[in-house]
Amino acid sequence: MGISRRSFLVATGLGATAAAVAACSATTTPALTPTTSTVPTTLPRTTLPRTTTPATTATSPTAIDYPALARKLSGQLLTPNSAGYSLASRSYNPLFDGRRPAAVALCAKAEDVQACVSAAAASHTPIAARSGGHSYAGFSNPAKALVVDLAGLSGVRLSGTDAVVGAGTRLIDVYAALAASGRALPAGSCPSVGVAGLTLGGGIGVLARKYGLTCDRLVGATVVTSDGQARTVSASAQPDLFWALRGGGGGNFGIVTSFTFATVPAPSLTSFQLAYPAGAVADAFAAWQPWIRSAPDELWSNFNITGAAGRSTCTIAGCFVGTAGALAPMVNTLVSRIGSRPIRRSVLPKSYLDTMRYFAGCSSKSMSTCQAETHGAQWNREAFVASSRMVTATADPAKLATLADGRPDLHLIIDGLGGAVARVGATATAFPHRSAEASVQIYLKTTVAGRAGAAKQVSAVRDALAPIVGSSAYVNYIDATMPDWAHAYYGANLTKLREVAQRYDPDRVFTFAQAVNRS
C-alpha cells in the first residue's frame, strides 16, 4: 500500500501526558488551539493526454535509461549518486532505511507518472508508487526499483460538494482544506499518511460509522495503468477498475494521480476517553463490545489495550457526531456496565478540524508546524512492527485481555466498525470486511536493533488472535509474514481482483511480494 496506515493518539484532555497507541508519534495533547489552514488549494492537471506506448513483450529485463527519463520529467529524478537521494529514499519507518531504490522520481505532475510507468514497463524494472510512505511492510520503498514519489501531486480543489484531491496529499492537509470550506471527509488519523494508500485499502477512521470508509466516498479517480494510459474511472467509466480501487489495496492496478470524493458538511464533534487500570481489561471489553455494536451511527469508538510487564491496561476512546450533552448518557451507560469508575475521564467538544487535529496529535502545535512535520526533513518518523486481524466473531474478553500481558508497550487497537460501513455489500466494493465488528491493529514500537524481537512478539499475538476473532486482516496494515495473506485481506473478492489485475496489467508491471497478481 501506500498505508496506507492510520493511528490514534489517546489523550486525556486533563493536562496529563497522552499515550501514543499507534504508529504516528508519542506526544502530549493539551487543549486545542484554533488555527487557520495553509494547505494549497490548487492541483496539478488531471485530464491527461493518452499515450499509445505499450508494455514491452520482451522477456529479458533492460536497464532504464535514467538520463533520458530525467529529461522527460518536470520533477527531479534522483539516483544513488544524486544530492538529496538519501532523504528522498526514506519512508516513514526507519526499519526500511537500508533499502536502496534504483531511483526516486519526484513527480511534479501526472504526465511524470506516465513517463515513469512507460519506462518501467519497457525495461521490466520494478516500480512502486509512494504517497505517504507508510506501508507497514515497506512495499512503497523497494530496493532496486523505480519509486514514483507523489508528494508533488498534492492539493485539494472543491468542485461543488466534491473534492478533487491529489494522490500525494497528506491527511492533515486534506482536513485543513476541506474544513476551510465547511466540508469533511471520513478518513484516518495519522497526519502524515497519504490519501492514496488510505483510500485504496479502504480507509478506517473516526467518522466511519457515520459516513463510511474513505473509499465509500470515492466517486472518481485518474489512474495510470501499465500501458502508460491515464484513465479516468468511475461507476460508469471502466467500473471494474473503479471497483478494485475501492479497497483492493495500493500498488495493484496502476498509480492513481488524483481522487474525487463526495464530501459531507463538516460536523461539530465531541471526543471522549475513559482510562482503566491493570486488571480491568476483561470487564471493560465485555461491556464495550455489545455497547458499540448497538450504538447509533453517530458514535464511533475504539478499545485500546496497552501491554505491560504485568497485567495490561486499557483505554476506551471515541468520537461522536453531536454535542457533549447528547453523548453523556451513552458514556454513562458504558461506565455503568463496566461496573467500575475509570481512573480518567474526559469529554472534548470541538469543531471538525480541531477534533481531527486532536486525533492527529497536533493540538499543541500550530497548523503550519503540524503540516511541516508531515514532509521531508521534518518528518516525524517512528520504527515499528505491526499487523492486524478483523473481528468477525464475538471475542472472548478473558482471552483477549491477556494477549498483551507481559509485553510492555505492545498495543492492541480495536476500532469499532458497523454503522454505515456495514450497510455496503461485501462485494459492492473491493473492501470485503463489511460484516466485521471491528479491526484490530497490533502495534509495537521498536528500534533497528530490536526489530527481530518485536516482529516475533507481533506475530505471536497475531496468530493468537485468529482463534479469538477470526483470521481475516486489513490490507492497510499489511504484514509481510501474514499467513494466507491473500484470503485474509480480500476474502471472496480475491478472484475478481485478480481478474481486474490481469485485464489492466497483463505483464505484471505492478507487482510485489503480496500483490493481487501473485498466485
Protein backbone atom coordinates (compact mmCIF):
# COMPACT_ATOMS: atom_id res chain seq x y z
CA MET A 1 0.00 0.00 0.00
CA GLY A 2 0.92 3.42 0.28
CA ILE A 3 -0.82 2.79 4.10
CA SER A 4 -1.96 3.23 3.86
CA ARG A 5 -1.74 3.39 7.98
CA ARG A 6 -3.97 5.23 10.43
CA SER A 7 -3.07 5.99 14.01
CA PHE A 8 -4.98 7.08 17.04
CA LEU A 9 -3.49 9.18 19.84
CA VAL A 10 -5.30 8.74 23.12
CA ALA A 11 -5.28 11.96 25.12
CA THR A 12 -6.88 12.70 28.45
CA GLY A 13 -7.62 16.36 27.81
CA LEU A 14 -6.89 16.84 31.53
CA GLY A 15 -3.30 18.03 31.26
CA ALA A 16 -1.79 14.55 31.54
CA THR A 17 0.64 13.13 29.01
CA ALA A 18 -1.03 11.49 26.04
CA ALA A 19 -0.31 7.85 25.28
CA ALA A 20 0.55 7.14 21.67
CA VAL A 21 -1.16 3.86 20.98
CA ALA A 22 -0.24 3.61 17.32
CA ALA A 23 2.47 4.45 14.93
CA CYS A 24 2.43 8.20 14.36
CA SER A 25 4.23 9.64 17.35
CA ALA A 26 4.28 9.76 21.12
CA THR A 27 3.28 13.24 22.11
CA THR A 28 1.34 15.27 24.60
CA THR A 29 -2.06 16.64 23.74
CA PRO A 30 -3.10 19.68 25.78
CA ALA A 31 -6.08 21.85 24.99
CA LEU A 32 -6.62 22.61 21.33
CA THR A 33 -5.85 25.99 19.85
CA PRO A 34 -7.64 27.37 16.78
CA THR A 35 -5.61 27.76 13.65
CA THR A 36 -6.08 28.56 10.00
CA SER A 37 -5.28 26.35 7.03
CA THR A 38 -2.21 26.92 4.90
CA VAL A 39 -2.78 23.99 2.53
CA PRO A 40 -2.59 24.80 -1.19
CA THR A 41 -5.94 24.74 -2.95
CA THR A 42 -4.74 24.06 -6.49
CA LEU A 43 -3.99 20.74 -8.08
CA PRO A 44 -1.82 19.62 -10.94
CA ARG A 45 -3.82 19.00 -14.09
CA THR A 46 -5.51 15.58 -14.02
CA THR A 47 -7.04 15.44 -17.52
CA LEU A 48 -4.14 13.87 -19.35
CA PRO A 49 -3.34 13.01 -22.95
CA ARG A 50 -3.40 9.32 -23.62
CA THR A 51 -0.28 7.56 -24.79
CA THR A 52 -0.22 4.53 -27.02
CA THR A 53 3.12 3.22 -25.75
CA PRO A 54 2.50 -0.46 -24.91
CA ALA A 55 4.37 -2.50 -22.35
CA THR A 56 7.20 -4.42 -23.97
CA THR A 57 6.78 -8.10 -24.68
CA ALA A 58 10.48 -8.81 -24.19
CA THR A 59 11.29 -11.39 -21.55
CA SER A 60 14.76 -10.12 -20.65
CA PRO A 61 15.00 -7.00 -18.46
CA THR A 62 16.94 -4.00 -19.71
CA ALA A 63 18.09 -1.07 -17.63
CA ILE A 64 16.08 2.12 -17.66
CA ASP A 65 17.93 4.94 -19.38
CA TYR A 66 17.67 7.22 -16.37
CA PRO A 67 19.20 10.33 -18.01
CA ALA A 68 16.62 10.00 -20.79
CA LEU A 69 13.81 9.55 -18.28
CA ALA A 70 15.02 12.55 -16.30
CA ARG A 71 14.71 14.73 -19.39
CA LYS A 72 11.04 13.78 -19.69
CA LEU A 73 10.14 14.69 -16.13
CA SER A 74 9.03 18.03 -14.73
CA GLY A 75 10.25 16.98 -11.29
CA GLN A 76 13.62 15.62 -10.22
CA LEU A 77 14.88 12.10 -10.79
CA LEU A 78 17.28 11.11 -8.03
CA THR A 79 19.68 8.18 -8.33
CA PRO A 80 22.05 6.93 -5.59
CA ASN A 81 24.74 9.42 -6.64
CA SER A 82 22.36 12.41 -6.62
CA ALA A 83 22.30 15.05 -3.92
CA GLY A 84 19.12 14.56 -1.95
CA TYR A 85 18.80 10.85 -2.73
CA SER A 86 19.30 9.71 0.88
CA LEU A 87 16.45 11.88 2.12
CA ALA A 88 14.18 11.08 -0.82
CA SER A 89 14.70 7.33 -0.48
CA ARG A 90 13.43 7.20 3.10
CA SER A 91 9.97 6.04 4.09
CA TYR A 92 8.14 6.70 7.35
CA ASN A 93 9.54 3.63 9.13
CA PRO A 94 13.32 3.74 9.75
CA LEU A 95 13.42 -0.07 9.70
CA PHE A 96 13.44 0.18 5.89
CA ASP A 97 16.25 2.74 5.60
CA GLY A 98 18.63 0.07 4.32
CA ARG A 99 16.65 -0.36 1.12
CA ARG A 100 18.19 1.38 -1.87
CA PRO A 101 15.78 2.14 -4.71
CA ALA A 102 17.34 2.33 -8.17
CA ALA A 103 15.89 5.83 -8.46
CA VAL A 104 13.27 8.09 -6.91
CA ALA A 105 11.14 10.19 -9.25
CA LEU A 106 9.81 13.30 -7.54
CA CYS A 107 6.80 13.69 -9.79
CA ALA A 108 5.51 17.24 -10.26
CA LYS A 109 2.56 16.41 -12.49
CA ALA A 110 0.63 13.40 -13.69
CA GLU A 111 2.49 13.20 -17.00
CA ASP A 112 5.63 12.44 -14.99
CA VAL A 113 3.90 9.36 -13.63
CA GLN A 114 3.03 8.26 -17.16
CA ALA A 115 6.65 8.59 -18.24
CA CYS A 116 7.85 6.55 -15.27
CA VAL A 117 5.33 3.77 -15.83
CA SER A 118 6.18 3.54 -19.54
CA ALA A 119 9.91 3.38 -18.77
CA ALA A 120 9.43 0.69 -16.14
CA ALA A 121 7.15 -1.38 -18.38
CA ALA A 122 9.54 -1.21 -21.33
CA SER A 123 12.51 -2.34 -19.22
CA HIS A 124 10.75 -4.72 -16.82
CA THR A 125 12.07 -2.64 -13.93
CA PRO A 126 10.15 -2.97 -10.65
CA ILE A 127 8.09 0.15 -9.92
CA ALA A 128 6.27 1.31 -6.80
CA ALA A 129 4.18 4.35 -6.00
CA ARG A 130 4.71 6.25 -2.76
CA SER A 131 2.05 8.62 -1.46
CA GLY A 132 2.72 9.00 2.27
CA GLY A 133 5.37 6.29 2.60
CA HIS A 134 3.61 4.49 5.43
CA SER A 135 3.48 0.95 4.03
CA TYR A 136 3.78 -1.33 7.07
CA ALA A 137 5.91 -3.77 5.08
CA GLY A 138 7.86 -1.09 3.22
CA PHE A 139 6.34 -2.09 -0.12
CA SER A 140 6.23 1.55 -1.26
CA ASN A 141 10.02 1.78 -0.98
CA PRO A 142 11.50 -1.38 -2.51
CA ALA A 143 15.19 -1.93 -3.23
CA LYS A 144 16.39 -1.77 -6.86
CA ALA A 145 13.06 -0.33 -8.02
CA LEU A 146 11.90 2.95 -9.51
CA VAL A 147 9.98 4.71 -6.74
CA VAL A 148 7.34 7.13 -8.00
CA ASP A 149 7.02 9.74 -5.27
CA LEU A 150 3.65 11.50 -5.49
CA ALA A 151 4.22 14.22 -2.88
CA GLY A 152 4.37 16.83 -5.64
CA LEU A 153 0.84 15.90 -6.71
CA SER A 154 -0.67 17.45 -3.62
CA GLY A 155 -3.60 19.75 -3.15
CA VAL A 156 -7.35 19.95 -2.69
CA ARG A 157 -9.81 21.63 -5.02
CA LEU A 158 -13.53 21.87 -4.27
CA SER A 159 -15.96 21.41 -7.13
CA GLY A 160 -19.36 21.94 -5.62
CA THR A 161 -19.53 19.41 -2.79
CA ASP A 162 -16.95 17.13 -4.41
CA ALA A 163 -13.26 17.40 -3.60
CA VAL A 164 -10.55 16.64 -6.15
CA VAL A 165 -7.52 15.55 -4.12
CA GLY A 166 -4.01 14.95 -5.44
CA ALA A 167 -2.68 11.48 -4.71
CA GLY A 168 0.26 12.78 -2.69
CA THR A 169 -1.83 14.89 -0.31
CA ARG A 170 -1.30 14.15 3.39
CA LEU A 171 -4.37 13.75 5.59
CA ILE A 172 -3.73 16.84 7.70
CA ASP A 173 -3.73 18.92 4.50
CA VAL A 174 -6.96 17.29 3.33
CA TYR A 175 -8.68 18.12 6.61
CA ALA A 176 -7.44 21.69 6.69
CA ALA A 177 -8.52 22.46 3.13
CA LEU A 178 -11.95 20.87 3.47
CA ALA A 179 -12.66 22.49 6.83
CA ALA A 180 -11.88 25.90 5.36
CA SER A 181 -14.85 25.34 3.03
CA GLY A 182 -17.09 23.81 5.66
CA ARG A 183 -16.71 20.27 4.30
CA ALA A 184 -15.40 16.97 5.70
CA LEU A 185 -14.21 13.55 4.59
CA PRO A 186 -14.11 10.41 6.73
CA ALA A 187 -10.51 9.23 6.81
CA GLY A 188 -7.67 8.22 9.11
CA SER A 189 -5.96 9.99 11.99
CA CYS A 190 -2.22 10.00 11.33
CA PRO A 191 -1.49 13.43 9.81
CA SER A 192 1.35 12.33 7.51
CA VAL A 193 -0.47 9.38 5.92
CA GLY A 194 -1.06 9.90 2.20
CA VAL A 195 -4.63 9.91 0.94
CA ALA A 196 -3.83 7.37 -1.79
CA GLY A 197 -2.79 4.39 0.29
CA LEU A 198 -5.53 5.00 2.82
CA THR A 199 -8.27 5.14 0.19
CA LEU A 200 -7.04 2.23 -1.90
CA GLY A 201 -7.06 -0.10 1.10
CA GLY A 202 -10.42 1.04 2.45
CA GLY A 203 -9.88 3.87 4.92
CA ILE A 204 -10.96 3.25 8.53
CA GLY A 205 -11.34 6.37 10.65
CA VAL A 206 -13.18 8.08 13.48
CA LEU A 207 -16.15 9.06 11.31
CA ALA A 208 -16.54 5.70 9.56
CA ARG A 209 -19.67 4.55 11.38
CA LYS A 210 -21.48 7.74 10.39
CA TYR A 211 -20.10 8.44 6.89
CA GLY A 212 -18.47 5.17 5.80
CA LEU A 213 -14.92 4.30 4.81
CA THR A 214 -12.83 6.74 2.80
CA CYS A 215 -13.23 4.51 -0.26
CA ASP A 216 -17.02 4.70 0.14
CA ARG A 217 -16.87 8.45 -0.58
CA LEU A 218 -14.80 7.95 -3.76
CA VAL A 219 -16.73 8.89 -6.91
CA GLY A 220 -13.90 9.04 -9.42
CA ALA A 221 -10.17 8.74 -9.92
CA THR A 222 -7.46 9.21 -12.53
CA VAL A 223 -5.11 6.23 -12.68
CA VAL A 224 -2.10 5.49 -14.85
CA THR A 225 -2.20 1.85 -15.88
CA SER A 226 0.62 -0.37 -17.07
CA ASP A 227 0.25 0.73 -20.72
CA GLY A 228 1.03 4.32 -19.74
CA GLN A 229 -2.54 5.49 -20.24
CA ALA A 230 -4.19 7.87 -17.81
CA ARG A 231 -7.69 6.51 -17.28
CA THR A 232 -10.49 8.47 -15.64
CA VAL A 233 -12.60 5.86 -13.85
CA SER A 234 -15.93 5.99 -12.04
CA ALA A 235 -19.05 3.90 -11.54
CA SER A 236 -19.87 4.48 -15.22
CA ALA A 237 -16.37 4.58 -16.75
CA GLN A 238 -14.34 1.37 -16.52
CA PRO A 239 -16.35 0.35 -13.46
CA ASP A 240 -14.35 -2.83 -12.85
CA LEU A 241 -11.18 -0.84 -12.24
CA PHE A 242 -13.09 1.71 -10.18
CA TRP A 243 -14.46 -1.15 -8.06
CA ALA A 244 -10.96 -2.52 -7.48
CA LEU A 245 -9.60 0.87 -6.38
CA ARG A 246 -12.10 0.97 -3.51
CA GLY A 247 -10.42 -1.38 -1.07
CA GLY A 248 -8.31 -3.56 -3.37
CA GLY A 249 -5.04 -2.33 -1.91
CA GLY A 250 -2.39 0.09 -3.15
CA GLY A 251 0.13 -0.85 -5.81
CA ASN A 252 -2.01 -3.49 -7.50
CA PHE A 253 -3.65 -1.95 -10.57
CA GLY A 254 -1.80 1.23 -11.50
CA ILE A 255 -0.77 4.55 -9.99
CA VAL A 256 -3.61 6.87 -9.05
CA THR A 257 -2.76 10.54 -9.60
CA SER A 258 -5.97 12.11 -8.25
CA PHE A 259 -9.15 11.18 -6.42
CA THR A 260 -12.59 12.77 -6.45
CA PHE A 261 -14.54 12.38 -3.23
CA ALA A 262 -18.12 13.21 -2.32
CA THR A 263 -17.69 15.25 0.86
CA VAL A 264 -20.14 15.90 3.69
CA PRO A 265 -20.87 19.07 5.66
CA ALA A 266 -18.26 19.49 8.39
CA PRO A 267 -19.93 18.42 11.64
CA SER A 268 -19.34 19.55 15.19
CA LEU A 269 -17.82 16.66 17.10
CA THR A 270 -17.29 15.50 20.66
CA SER A 271 -14.49 13.14 21.60
CA PHE A 272 -14.20 11.21 24.84
CA GLN A 273 -11.81 8.97 26.75
CA LEU A 274 -12.09 6.54 29.62
CA ALA A 275 -8.91 5.05 31.10
CA TYR A 276 -8.91 1.88 33.22
CA PRO A 277 -6.11 0.32 35.28
CA ALA A 278 -4.47 -3.09 35.15
CA GLY A 279 -6.90 -5.88 35.85
CA ALA A 280 -9.95 -4.16 34.33
CA VAL A 281 -9.43 -5.10 30.66
CA ALA A 282 -11.73 -8.14 30.56
CA ASP A 283 -14.65 -6.42 32.29
CA ALA A 284 -14.24 -3.26 30.21
CA PHE A 285 -14.14 -5.15 26.90
CA ALA A 286 -17.08 -7.36 27.90
CA ALA A 287 -19.12 -4.17 28.32
CA TRP A 288 -17.69 -2.26 25.34
CA GLN A 289 -18.23 -4.92 22.66
CA PRO A 290 -22.06 -5.06 22.84
CA TRP A 291 -22.23 -1.33 23.63
CA ILE A 292 -20.54 -0.23 20.40
CA ARG A 293 -22.42 -2.90 18.43
CA SER A 294 -25.74 -1.29 19.39
CA ALA A 295 -24.55 2.35 19.31
CA PRO A 296 -26.05 4.86 16.87
CA ASP A 297 -24.10 5.61 13.69
CA GLU A 298 -23.07 8.98 15.09
CA LEU A 299 -20.90 7.27 17.71
CA TRP A 300 -17.55 5.72 16.83
CA SER A 301 -15.32 4.18 19.48
CA ASN A 302 -12.21 2.12 19.87
CA PHE A 303 -10.82 -0.06 22.64
CA ASN A 304 -7.09 0.16 23.24
CA ILE A 305 -5.14 -2.42 25.23
CA THR A 306 -1.63 -1.42 26.33
CA GLY A 307 0.72 -4.21 27.33
CA ALA A 308 2.86 -4.08 30.46
CA ALA A 309 5.38 -6.21 32.30
CA GLY A 310 2.47 -7.43 34.38
CA ARG A 311 -1.19 -7.08 33.53
CA SER A 312 -2.36 -4.82 30.70
CA THR A 313 -4.27 -1.58 31.00
CA CYS A 314 -6.92 -0.24 28.63
CA THR A 315 -8.42 2.96 27.30
CA ILE A 316 -11.77 3.43 25.62
CA ALA A 317 -11.98 6.43 23.33
CA GLY A 318 -14.39 7.72 20.77
CA CYS A 319 -15.79 10.42 18.54
CA PHE A 320 -19.45 11.49 18.44
CA VAL A 321 -21.19 13.49 15.74
CA GLY A 322 -23.14 15.69 18.12
CA THR A 323 -22.99 17.51 21.41
CA ALA A 324 -21.40 16.57 24.72
CA GLY A 325 -24.86 16.59 26.28
CA ALA A 326 -26.15 14.01 23.82
CA LEU A 327 -23.06 11.86 24.27
CA ALA A 328 -23.07 11.83 28.08
CA PRO A 329 -25.89 9.30 28.61
CA MET A 330 -24.24 6.80 26.29
CA VAL A 331 -20.88 7.09 28.04
CA ASN A 332 -22.60 6.82 31.42
CA THR A 333 -24.30 3.62 30.27
CA LEU A 334 -20.94 2.14 29.29
CA VAL A 335 -19.33 3.04 32.62
CA SER A 336 -22.27 1.51 34.46
CA ARG A 337 -21.97 -1.74 32.51
CA ILE A 338 -18.24 -1.96 33.18
CA GLY A 339 -19.05 -1.75 36.86
CA SER A 340 -16.15 0.43 37.99
CA ARG A 341 -15.22 4.05 37.60
CA PRO A 342 -12.42 4.98 35.19
CA ILE A 343 -9.23 6.44 36.59
CA ARG A 344 -9.51 9.22 33.98
CA ARG A 345 -12.45 10.56 32.02
CA SER A 346 -12.51 13.38 29.53
CA VAL A 347 -15.02 14.85 27.09
CA LEU A 348 -13.92 17.37 24.44
CA PRO A 349 -16.49 19.11 22.21
CA LYS A 350 -14.69 20.69 19.25
CA SER A 351 -15.05 21.67 15.61
CA TYR A 352 -14.36 19.13 12.88
CA LEU A 353 -10.86 20.47 12.16
CA ASP A 354 -9.90 20.81 15.81
CA THR A 355 -11.09 17.28 16.50
CA MET A 356 -9.04 15.89 13.63
CA ARG A 357 -6.02 17.84 14.89
CA TYR A 358 -6.63 16.31 18.32
CA PHE A 359 -6.63 12.77 16.95
CA ALA A 360 -3.55 13.63 14.87
CA GLY A 361 -1.60 14.69 17.95
CA CYS A 362 -1.35 18.28 16.68
CA SER A 363 -3.37 20.04 19.36
CA SER A 364 -0.39 21.80 20.91
CA LYS A 365 1.13 22.89 17.59
CA SER A 366 0.27 25.48 15.00
CA MET A 367 -1.26 24.16 11.83
CA SER A 368 1.81 25.18 9.84
CA THR A 369 4.05 23.20 12.22
CA CYS A 370 1.82 20.15 12.07
CA GLN A 371 1.79 20.27 8.28
CA ALA A 372 5.55 20.81 8.04
CA GLU A 373 6.16 17.74 10.20
CA THR A 374 4.47 15.52 7.63
CA HIS A 375 7.10 16.12 4.93
CA GLY A 376 10.80 15.80 4.22
CA ALA A 377 13.50 16.51 6.76
CA GLN A 378 10.98 17.47 9.47
CA TRP A 379 9.03 14.22 9.10
CA ASN A 380 8.26 12.70 12.50
CA ARG A 381 9.31 9.11 11.83
CA GLU A 382 8.94 6.03 14.01
CA ALA A 383 10.31 2.48 13.90
CA PHE A 384 7.60 -0.10 14.48
CA VAL A 385 6.35 -3.58 13.65
CA ALA A 386 2.63 -4.17 13.21
CA SER A 387 -0.06 -6.49 11.94
CA SER A 388 -3.84 -6.88 12.13
CA ARG A 389 -6.93 -9.00 12.39
CA MET A 390 -10.60 -8.26 11.74
CA VAL A 391 -13.15 -9.07 14.45
CA THR A 392 -15.56 -11.38 12.62
CA ALA A 393 -16.79 -13.26 15.70
CA THR A 394 -17.74 -12.22 19.21
CA ALA A 395 -14.43 -12.16 21.06
CA ASP A 396 -13.94 -13.84 24.42
CA PRO A 397 -13.00 -10.95 26.76
CA ALA A 398 -10.97 -13.17 29.09
CA LYS A 399 -8.81 -14.49 26.25
CA LEU A 400 -8.39 -11.10 24.62
CA ALA A 401 -7.48 -9.40 27.88
CA THR A 402 -4.32 -11.43 28.44
CA LEU A 403 -2.73 -11.21 24.98
CA ALA A 404 -0.62 -8.15 25.82
CA ASP A 405 0.20 -9.18 29.40
CA GLY A 406 3.96 -9.38 29.85
CA ARG A 407 4.56 -7.45 26.63
CA PRO A 408 5.48 -3.87 27.60
CA ASP A 409 4.28 -1.20 25.15
CA LEU A 410 2.58 -3.61 22.77
CA HIS A 411 -0.77 -2.15 21.72
CA LEU A 412 -3.98 -3.75 20.52
CA ILE A 413 -6.07 -1.00 18.91
CA ILE A 414 -9.60 -2.27 18.31
CA ASP A 415 -11.55 0.12 16.06
CA GLY A 416 -15.30 -0.34 16.03
CA LEU A 417 -16.96 -0.75 12.65
CA GLY A 418 -20.62 -1.34 11.81
CA GLY A 419 -22.97 1.55 11.04
CA ALA A 420 -22.50 2.96 7.54
CA VAL A 421 -19.60 0.57 6.89
CA ALA A 422 -21.85 -2.45 7.32
CA ARG A 423 -24.62 -1.14 5.07
CA VAL A 424 -22.46 -1.57 1.97
CA GLY A 425 -22.44 -5.06 0.49
CA ALA A 426 -19.32 -7.19 0.83
CA THR A 427 -18.92 -7.33 -2.96
CA ALA A 428 -20.13 -3.79 -3.76
CA THR A 429 -16.55 -2.54 -3.36
CA ALA A 430 -13.28 -4.45 -3.11
CA PHE A 431 -13.22 -3.98 0.70
CA PRO A 432 -14.63 -7.31 1.91
CA HIS A 433 -14.94 -6.87 5.68
CA ARG A 434 -18.38 -5.24 5.77
CA SER A 435 -19.77 -7.54 8.44
CA ALA A 436 -16.74 -7.24 10.72
CA GLU A 437 -17.46 -5.68 14.09
CA ALA A 438 -14.01 -4.12 14.37
CA SER A 439 -10.44 -4.14 13.15
CA VAL A 440 -7.54 -4.93 15.45
CA GLN A 441 -4.18 -3.29 14.89
CA ILE A 442 -1.26 -4.97 16.67
CA TYR A 443 1.48 -2.41 17.06
CA LEU A 444 4.86 -2.36 18.77
CA LYS A 445 7.33 0.49 18.64
CA THR A 446 10.90 -0.76 18.32
CA THR A 447 14.42 0.04 17.10
CA VAL A 448 16.51 -1.31 14.25
CA ALA A 449 18.39 -3.48 16.73
CA GLY A 450 15.18 -4.72 18.34
CA ARG A 451 13.35 -5.46 15.10
CA ALA A 452 13.57 -9.27 15.22
CA GLY A 453 12.25 -9.48 18.77
CA ALA A 454 9.44 -7.05 18.06
CA ALA A 455 8.43 -8.97 14.94
CA LYS A 456 8.32 -12.20 16.91
CA GLN A 457 6.04 -10.66 19.52
CA VAL A 458 3.67 -9.13 16.98
CA SER A 459 3.43 -12.38 15.00
CA ALA A 460 2.70 -14.35 18.17
CA VAL A 461 -0.15 -12.04 19.14
CA ARG A 462 -1.48 -12.00 15.56
CA ASP A 463 -1.61 -15.80 15.47
CA ALA A 464 -3.15 -16.00 18.93
CA LEU A 465 -5.87 -13.57 17.85
CA ALA A 466 -7.05 -15.72 14.93
CA PRO A 467 -8.99 -18.30 17.01
CA ILE A 468 -10.45 -15.47 19.12
CA VAL A 469 -11.66 -13.02 16.45
CA GLY A 470 -11.08 -14.72 13.06
CA SER A 471 -8.26 -14.95 10.52
CA SER A 472 -9.18 -12.01 8.27
CA ALA A 473 -6.90 -8.96 8.18
CA TYR A 474 -6.82 -5.35 6.96
CA VAL A 475 -4.64 -4.71 3.92
CA ASN A 476 -3.75 -1.18 5.07
CA TYR A 477 -1.93 -2.80 8.00
CA ILE A 478 -0.09 -5.04 5.55
CA ASP A 479 2.14 -7.68 7.11
CA ALA A 480 4.85 -9.39 5.06
CA THR A 481 4.54 -12.55 7.19
CA MET A 482 0.73 -12.78 7.27
CA PRO A 483 -0.41 -16.43 6.85
CA ASP A 484 -2.64 -16.94 3.80
CA TRP A 485 -2.45 -13.18 3.22
CA ALA A 486 -4.49 -13.02 0.01
CA HIS A 487 -7.60 -14.55 1.54
CA ALA A 488 -7.05 -12.72 4.83
CA TYR A 489 -7.04 -9.33 3.10
CA TYR A 490 -9.54 -9.86 0.28
CA GLY A 491 -11.77 -12.80 1.15
CA ALA A 492 -14.35 -13.64 -1.52
CA ASN A 493 -13.30 -10.62 -3.60
CA LEU A 494 -9.89 -12.10 -4.39
CA THR A 495 -10.90 -13.83 -7.62
CA LYS A 496 -12.43 -10.70 -9.13
CA LEU A 497 -9.46 -8.58 -8.04
CA ARG A 498 -7.11 -10.95 -9.83
CA GLU A 499 -9.25 -10.73 -12.95
CA VAL A 500 -9.07 -6.92 -12.88
CA ALA A 501 -5.31 -7.02 -12.36
CA GLN A 502 -4.89 -9.37 -15.30
CA ARG A 503 -7.07 -7.16 -17.52
CA TYR A 504 -5.24 -3.89 -16.80
CA ASP A 505 -1.76 -5.23 -16.07
CA PRO A 506 -1.26 -8.45 -18.07
CA ASP A 507 2.55 -8.17 -17.94
CA ARG A 508 2.64 -7.63 -14.16
CA VAL A 509 4.32 -4.26 -14.29
CA PHE A 510 2.85 -3.54 -10.85
CA THR A 511 3.83 -6.39 -8.58
CA PHE A 512 5.38 -7.02 -5.20
CA ALA A 513 5.52 -9.81 -2.62
CA GLN A 514 1.83 -9.50 -1.68
CA ALA A 515 0.42 -8.14 -4.92
CA VAL A 516 -3.01 -9.32 -6.03
CA ASN A 517 -1.46 -10.74 -9.20
CA ARG A 518 0.75 -13.09 -7.17
CA SER A 519 -0.58 -16.63 -7.04
